[in-house]
Protein backbone atom coordinates (compact mmCIF):
# COMPACT_ATOMS: atom_id res chain seq x y z
CA UNK A 1 22.02 3.37 -42.96
CA UNK A 2 23.04 1.10 -39.99
CA UNK A 3 25.26 1.38 -37.13
CA UNK A 4 28.04 -2.14 -37.30
CA UNK A 5 29.14 -1.18 -33.58
CA UNK A 6 28.73 -3.80 -31.05
CA UNK A 7 26.19 -2.32 -28.43
CA UNK A 8 27.87 -2.12 -25.14
CA UNK A 9 26.81 -4.16 -22.11
CA UNK A 10 27.03 -3.45 -18.35
CA UNK A 11 25.00 -1.00 -16.10
CA UNK A 12 22.12 0.84 -17.53
CA UNK A 13 22.53 4.44 -18.13
CA UNK A 14 22.10 6.82 -15.12
CA UNK A 15 19.13 8.23 -16.62
CA UNK A 16 17.81 4.70 -17.03
CA UNK A 17 15.77 2.62 -14.02
CA UNK A 18 17.77 -0.01 -13.07
CA UNK A 19 15.71 -3.48 -13.44
CA UNK A 20 17.40 -5.02 -10.34
CA UNK A 21 16.57 -1.89 -8.11
CA UNK A 22 13.12 -1.86 -9.32
CA UNK A 23 12.46 -5.51 -8.60
CA UNK A 24 13.88 -4.97 -4.88
CA UNK A 25 11.39 -1.90 -4.53
CA UNK A 26 8.55 -4.09 -5.91
CA UNK A 27 9.36 -7.38 -3.40
CA UNK A 28 9.81 -4.78 -0.43
CA UNK A 29 6.41 -3.02 -1.36
CA UNK A 30 4.34 -6.09 -1.66
CA UNK A 31 5.95 -7.81 1.59
CA UNK A 32 4.63 -4.08 3.33
CA UNK A 33 1.30 -4.12 1.51
CA UNK A 34 0.51 -8.02 2.17
CA UNK A 35 1.56 -7.53 5.89
CA UNK A 36 0.36 -3.98 6.64
CA UNK A 37 -2.15 -2.63 4.40
CA UNK A 38 -1.51 0.44 2.35
CA UNK A 39 -1.96 3.35 4.97
CA UNK A 40 0.45 1.75 7.39
CA UNK A 41 3.02 0.96 5.12
CA UNK A 42 5.65 3.51 5.23
CA UNK A 43 7.84 4.20 2.20
CA UNK A 44 11.12 4.58 4.27
CA UNK A 45 10.95 0.94 5.95
CA UNK A 46 10.03 -0.17 2.52
CA UNK A 47 13.12 1.59 0.73
CA UNK A 48 15.35 0.44 3.85
CA UNK A 49 14.75 -2.92 3.34
CA UNK A 50 15.15 -2.49 -0.63
CA UNK A 51 18.28 -0.35 0.00
CA UNK A 52 17.22 1.99 -2.09
CA UNK A 53 17.99 5.91 -0.79
CA UNK A 54 14.84 7.85 -0.90
CA UNK A 55 16.11 10.27 -3.31
CA UNK A 56 15.84 7.47 -5.75
CA UNK A 57 12.43 6.37 -5.30
CA UNK A 58 11.38 9.10 -7.28
CA UNK A 59 13.46 8.16 -10.12
CA UNK A 60 11.15 4.96 -10.49
CA UNK A 61 7.88 6.44 -9.07
CA UNK A 62 6.28 9.85 -9.01
CA UNK A 63 4.47 8.97 -5.60
CA UNK A 64 3.49 6.49 -3.38
CA UNK A 65 -0.06 6.22 -5.17
CA UNK A 66 2.08 5.24 -8.33
CA UNK A 67 3.98 2.92 -6.59
CA UNK A 68 0.75 1.49 -5.38
CA UNK A 69 -0.77 0.86 -8.49
CA UNK A 70 2.62 -0.61 -9.83
CA UNK A 71 2.46 -3.25 -6.71
CA UNK A 72 -1.39 -4.23 -7.36
CA UNK A 73 -0.41 -4.77 -10.93
CA UNK A 74 2.67 -7.25 -9.68
CA UNK A 75 0.46 -8.87 -7.59
CA UNK A 76 -2.14 -9.34 -9.98
CA UNK A 77 0.02 -11.00 -12.06
CA UNK A 78 1.73 -13.14 -9.67
CA UNK A 79 -1.70 -13.99 -7.88
CA UNK A 80 -3.78 -14.81 -11.56
CA UNK A 81 -0.09 -17.05 -12.45
CA UNK A 82 -0.61 -18.91 -9.44
CA UNK A 83 -4.31 -19.41 -9.59
CA UNK A 84 -4.48 -20.25 -13.30
CA UNK A 85 -1.78 -23.03 -13.02
CA UNK A 86 -4.30 -24.99 -10.64
CA UNK A 87 -7.34 -24.05 -12.69
CA UNK A 88 -5.85 -25.15 -16.30
CA UNK A 89 -4.72 -28.53 -14.58
CA UNK A 90 -6.90 -30.59 -16.55
CA UNK A 91 -5.74 -34.00 -14.97
CA UNK A 92 -8.18 -33.05 -12.03
CA UNK A 93 -12.01 -32.44 -11.90
CA UNK A 94 -12.84 -28.83 -11.90
CA UNK A 95 -13.89 -28.43 -7.90
CA UNK A 96 -10.56 -30.24 -7.12
CA UNK A 97 -8.46 -27.93 -8.92
CA UNK A 98 -10.26 -25.11 -6.46
CA UNK A 99 -9.34 -27.17 -3.76
CA UNK A 100 -5.71 -27.72 -5.04
CA UNK A 101 -5.07 -23.98 -5.26
CA UNK A 102 -6.79 -23.17 -1.48
CA UNK A 103 -4.45 -25.95 0.03
CA UNK A 104 -1.70 -24.00 -1.58
CA UNK A 105 -2.99 -20.33 -0.10
CA UNK A 106 -3.49 -21.92 3.22
CA UNK A 107 0.15 -23.35 3.08
CA UNK A 108 1.35 -20.24 1.91
CA UNK A 109 0.01 -18.42 4.92
CA UNK A 110 1.04 -20.75 7.31
CA UNK A 111 4.94 -20.64 5.82
CA UNK A 112 5.06 -16.63 6.90
CA UNK A 113 3.24 -17.56 10.11
CA UNK A 114 -0.16 -15.65 8.76
CA UNK A 115 1.50 -12.25 8.83
CA UNK A 116 1.02 -11.50 5.27
CA UNK A 117 -2.76 -11.81 3.85
CA UNK A 118 -3.94 -11.14 0.37
CA UNK A 119 -2.92 -7.73 -1.04
CA UNK A 120 -6.34 -7.14 -2.63
CA UNK A 121 -8.45 -8.23 0.39
CA UNK A 122 -6.15 -5.57 2.71
CA UNK A 123 -6.53 -2.95 0.30
CA UNK A 124 -10.52 -3.56 0.22
CA UNK A 125 -10.48 -2.40 3.77
CA UNK A 126 -9.00 0.81 3.38
CA UNK A 127 -11.15 2.12 0.55
CA UNK A 128 -11.67 5.43 2.69
CA UNK A 129 -8.21 6.20 2.16
CA UNK A 130 -7.44 5.15 -1.31
CA UNK A 131 -8.17 7.36 -4.32
CA UNK A 132 -11.45 6.86 -6.01
CA UNK A 133 -9.84 5.75 -9.26
CA UNK A 134 -7.33 3.51 -7.07
CA UNK A 135 -10.39 2.03 -5.84
CA UNK A 136 -11.82 0.96 -9.27
CA UNK A 137 -8.64 -0.66 -10.02
CA UNK A 138 -8.68 -2.97 -6.91
CA UNK A 139 -12.71 -4.01 -7.77
CA UNK A 140 -11.29 -4.62 -11.29
CA UNK A 141 -9.11 -7.16 -10.27
CA UNK A 142 -11.66 -8.87 -8.08
CA UNK A 143 -14.04 -8.86 -10.96
CA UNK A 144 -10.98 -10.64 -12.74
CA UNK A 145 -10.68 -13.19 -10.28
CA UNK A 146 -14.29 -13.94 -10.05
CA UNK A 147 -14.49 -14.17 -13.85
CA UNK A 148 -11.96 -16.66 -13.65
CA UNK A 149 -13.42 -18.82 -11.03
CA UNK A 150 -16.84 -18.48 -12.75
CA UNK A 151 -15.23 -19.66 -15.91
CA UNK A 152 -13.87 -22.75 -13.69
CA UNK A 153 -17.41 -23.46 -12.05
CA UNK A 154 -18.93 -23.46 -15.62
CA UNK A 155 -16.89 -26.51 -16.45
CA UNK A 156 -17.90 -28.00 -13.35
CA UNK A 157 -21.27 -27.61 -13.82
CA UNK A 158 -20.92 -29.11 -17.84
CA UNK A 159 -19.37 -31.75 -15.95
CA UNK A 160 -22.36 -32.39 -13.68
CA UNK A 161 -20.35 -31.71 -10.61
CA UNK A 162 -22.62 -28.69 -9.73
CA UNK A 163 -26.55 -28.12 -10.84
CA UNK A 164 -27.30 -26.84 -14.35
CA UNK A 165 -28.98 -24.26 -13.24
CA UNK A 166 -26.22 -22.90 -11.49
CA UNK A 167 -25.50 -19.11 -11.56
CA UNK A 168 -21.43 -19.53 -11.62
CA UNK A 169 -20.86 -15.86 -11.55
CA UNK A 170 -22.86 -15.59 -8.53
CA UNK A 171 -21.04 -18.65 -6.78
CA UNK A 172 -17.84 -17.16 -7.88
CA UNK A 173 -18.56 -14.05 -6.19
CA UNK A 174 -19.72 -15.94 -2.97
CA UNK A 175 -16.59 -17.37 -2.99
CA UNK A 176 -14.00 -14.73 -3.14
CA UNK A 177 -16.32 -12.62 -0.73
CA UNK A 178 -16.28 -15.42 2.23
CA UNK A 179 -12.45 -16.40 1.25
CA UNK A 180 -11.56 -12.89 1.57
CA UNK A 181 -13.37 -12.82 5.06
CA UNK A 182 -11.77 -16.13 6.16
CA UNK A 183 -8.42 -15.09 5.14
CA UNK A 184 -8.42 -12.03 7.59
CA UNK A 185 -9.82 -14.25 10.15
CA UNK A 186 -6.93 -16.29 9.75
CA UNK A 187 -4.48 -13.81 9.88
CA UNK A 188 -6.45 -12.63 13.40
CA UNK A 189 -6.12 -15.95 14.81
CA UNK A 190 -2.82 -17.15 13.09
CA UNK A 191 -4.71 -20.32 12.18
CA UNK A 192 -6.26 -22.03 9.02
CA UNK A 193 -9.44 -23.26 10.75
CA UNK A 194 -11.42 -19.79 9.58
CA UNK A 195 -10.62 -20.83 5.67
CA UNK A 196 -11.08 -24.72 6.43
CA UNK A 197 -14.39 -23.91 7.89
CA UNK A 198 -15.32 -21.70 5.31
CA UNK A 199 -13.99 -24.12 2.56
CA UNK A 200 -15.76 -26.88 4.31
CA UNK A 201 -19.21 -25.01 4.19
CA UNK A 202 -18.78 -23.88 0.19
CA UNK A 203 -17.96 -27.47 -1.04
CA UNK A 204 -20.79 -28.84 1.31
CA UNK A 205 -23.08 -26.07 -0.20
CA UNK A 206 -22.13 -27.37 -3.94
CA UNK A 207 -22.85 -30.65 -2.73
CA UNK A 208 -26.17 -30.12 -1.51
CA UNK A 209 -27.11 -28.44 -4.48
CA UNK A 210 -25.90 -31.01 -6.57
CA UNK A 211 -28.36 -33.75 -4.24
CA UNK A 212 -31.46 -31.08 -4.55
CA UNK A 213 -30.64 -31.10 -8.51
CA UNK A 214 -30.52 -35.63 -8.42
CA UNK A 215 -33.45 -35.85 -6.25
CA UNK A 216 -35.89 -33.12 -7.64
CA UNK A 217 -35.53 -30.84 -4.69
CA UNK A 218 -36.63 -32.92 -2.31
CA UNK A 219 -33.27 -32.99 -0.24
CA UNK A 220 -31.11 -29.81 0.46
């Protein structure tokens, strides 16, 4: 038996989370964690910016830890989407796609006057203050980025941009470790120079590997 009555539209029922309020909480939380980190991000200031009463917060999340996990998930979706928009751009060679993404990332940091960094990088500096299972989730996100970059580098290897015997997983790990450190330094200096120096060294290293292969190891 079906109910032929039309469904009412309007505000969510009082016992249902409001999607718009949830979106404001996520946006405010992401701004706080990318700017100040998990331990320094005060819940009251996040709620005040989102325009959400403290009592209402627990209608959406049972704890700050659960909120942090939701923010990590939201950041992962956002970051991975931006990453893959560049990595999937087959009109460019693989290494040029990586360069394209880094330029967008640098412009994004400059737009916010280097006040906001990488949420995952920030959390990685606070592992002593995070629950053990939360640390594991941060590491899982980092590994996901590493695997995405390794796949791009494998494409670069197939196209002859880097040597045929390159360890793409190791090269991807090297990139993310160096990049996150450069981002932290850029925030400290409020300048893109640390990121640009790291990128120059990374791509020079890739070029040197290719040159070494072509000359049979006589030059680096």
